[in-house]
């Protein structure tokens, strides 16, 4: 279940950088992805799981910028 875009606009990565999240689809399921570190956060039953311990780290880990 996708989240309301207005809600997504209010959410941020829970790591120290607090970057905005974008809603994407991975393996057919909606997820939230940090725009800074690209860590992936699940959405379970319409509820975003914004716990760092449950996140899939981005290419350089949680809260770390992705090289351009």
C-alpha atoms as a PDB file:
ATOM      1  CA  UNK A   1       0.000   0.000   0.000  1.00  0.00           C
ATOM      2  CA  UNK A   2       1.485   3.307  -1.099  1.00  0.00           C
ATOM      3  CA  UNK A   3       1.572   6.229   1.319  1.00  0.00           C
ATOM      4  CA  UNK A   4      -0.127   9.579   0.822  1.00  0.00           C
ATOM      5  CA  UNK A   5       2.370  11.934  -0.886  1.00  0.00           C
ATOM      6  CA  UNK A   6       1.612  14.657   1.691  1.00  0.00           C
ATOM      7  CA  UNK A   7       2.707  12.297   4.475  1.00  0.00           C
ATOM      8  CA  UNK A   8       5.872  11.273   2.612  1.00  0.00           C
ATOM      9  CA  UNK A   9       6.772  14.969   2.244  1.00  0.00           C
ATOM     10  CA  UNK A  10       6.823  15.257   6.057  1.00  0.00           C
ATOM     11  CA  UNK A  11       8.993  12.189   6.701  1.00  0.00           C
ATOM     12  CA  UNK A  12      12.780  12.170   7.014  1.00  0.00           C
ATOM     13  CA  UNK A  13      15.491   9.572   7.456  1.00  0.00           C
ATOM     14  CA  UNK A  14      15.961   8.852  11.171  1.00  0.00           C
ATOM     15  CA  UNK A  15      19.762   8.955  10.882  1.00  0.00           C
ATOM     16  CA  UNK A  16      21.685  12.077  11.929  1.00  0.00           C
ATOM     17  CA  UNK A  17      21.391  13.698   8.474  1.00  0.00           C
ATOM     18  CA  UNK A  18      17.549  13.770   8.596  1.00  0.00           C
ATOM     19  CA  UNK A  19      17.306  13.850   4.807  1.00  0.00           C
ATOM     20  CA  UNK A  20      13.925  13.648   3.058  1.00  0.00           C
ATOM     21  CA  UNK A  21      12.575  10.268   1.989  1.00  0.00           C
ATOM     22  CA  UNK A  22      11.219   9.338  -1.424  1.00  0.00           C
ATOM     23  CA  UNK A  23       8.633   6.653  -2.042  1.00  0.00           C
ATOM     24  CA  UNK A  24       9.727   3.962  -4.489  1.00  0.00           C
ATOM     25  CA  UNK A  25       8.833   0.402  -5.396  1.00  0.00           C
ATOM     26  CA  UNK A  26      11.246  -2.470  -4.808  1.00  0.00           C
ATOM     27  CA  UNK A  27      10.315  -6.045  -5.711  1.00  0.00           C
ATOM     28  CA  UNK A  28       6.716  -4.900  -6.212  1.00  0.00           C
ATOM     29  CA  UNK A  29       6.390  -3.419  -2.717  1.00  0.00           C
ATOM     30  CA  UNK A  30       6.381   0.280  -1.785  1.00  0.00           C
ATOM     31  CA  UNK A  31       9.352   1.424   0.301  1.00  0.00           C
ATOM     32  CA  UNK A  32      10.823   4.700   1.476  1.00  0.00           C
ATOM     33  CA  UNK A  33      14.369   5.549   0.375  1.00  0.00           C
ATOM     34  CA  UNK A  34      16.595   8.186   1.956  1.00  0.00           C
ATOM     35  CA  UNK A  35      17.584  10.823  -0.600  1.00  0.00           C
ATOM     36  CA  UNK A  36      20.981  11.212   1.132  1.00  0.00           C
ATOM     37  CA  UNK A  37      22.276   7.725   1.970  1.00  0.00           C
ATOM     38  CA  UNK A  38      19.798   5.661  -0.111  1.00  0.00           C
ATOM     39  CA  UNK A  39      18.925   3.426   2.849  1.00  0.00           C
ATOM     40  CA  UNK A  40      15.624   1.585   2.357  1.00  0.00           C
ATOM     41  CA  UNK A  41      12.783   1.561   4.900  1.00  0.00           C
ATOM     42  CA  UNK A  42       9.884  -0.907   4.641  1.00  0.00           C
ATOM     43  CA  UNK A  43       6.224   0.002   4.691  1.00  0.00           C
ATOM     44  CA  UNK A  44       4.204  -2.632   6.570  1.00  0.00           C
ATOM     45  CA  UNK A  45       0.404  -2.540   6.369  1.00  0.00           C
ATOM     46  CA  UNK A  46       0.555   1.117   5.354  1.00  0.00           C
ATOM     47  CA  UNK A  47       2.879   2.086   8.230  1.00  0.00           C
ATOM     48  CA  UNK A  48       6.464   3.214   7.512  1.00  0.00           C
ATOM     49  CA  UNK A  49       9.048   1.350   9.603  1.00  0.00           C
ATOM     50  CA  UNK A  50      11.580   4.114  10.282  1.00  0.00           C
ATOM     51  CA  UNK A  51      13.873   2.200  12.610  1.00  0.00           C
ATOM     52  CA  UNK A  52      17.559   2.242  11.724  1.00  0.00           C
ATOM     53  CA  UNK A  53      17.972  -1.308  13.038  1.00  0.00           C
ATOM     54  CA  UNK A  54      15.333  -2.529  10.559  1.00  0.00           C
ATOM     55  CA  UNK A  55      16.511  -0.492   7.547  1.00  0.00           C
ATOM     56  CA  UNK A  56      18.408  -1.890   4.591  1.00  0.00           C
ATOM     57  CA  UNK A  57      21.602   0.223   4.527  1.00  0.00           C
ATOM     58  CA  UNK A  58      22.309   2.227   1.398  1.00  0.00           C
ATOM     59  CA  UNK A  59      25.433   1.774  -0.734  1.00  0.00           C
ATOM     60  CA  UNK A  60      27.615   3.447   1.928  1.00  0.00           C
ATOM     61  CA  UNK A  61      25.648   2.579   5.057  1.00  0.00           C
ATOM     62  CA  UNK A  62      23.010   4.366   7.082  1.00  0.00           C
ATOM     63  CA  UNK A  63      23.277   8.143   7.036  1.00  0.00           C
ATOM     64  CA  UNK A  64      26.267   8.297   4.698  1.00  0.00           C
ATOM     65  CA  UNK A  65      26.169  10.225   1.418  1.00  0.00           C
ATOM     66  CA  UNK A  66      26.308   8.404  -1.892  1.00  0.00           C
ATOM     67  CA  UNK A  67      29.230   9.391  -4.098  1.00  0.00           C
ATOM     68  CA  UNK A  68      28.217  11.258  -7.228  1.00  0.00           C
END
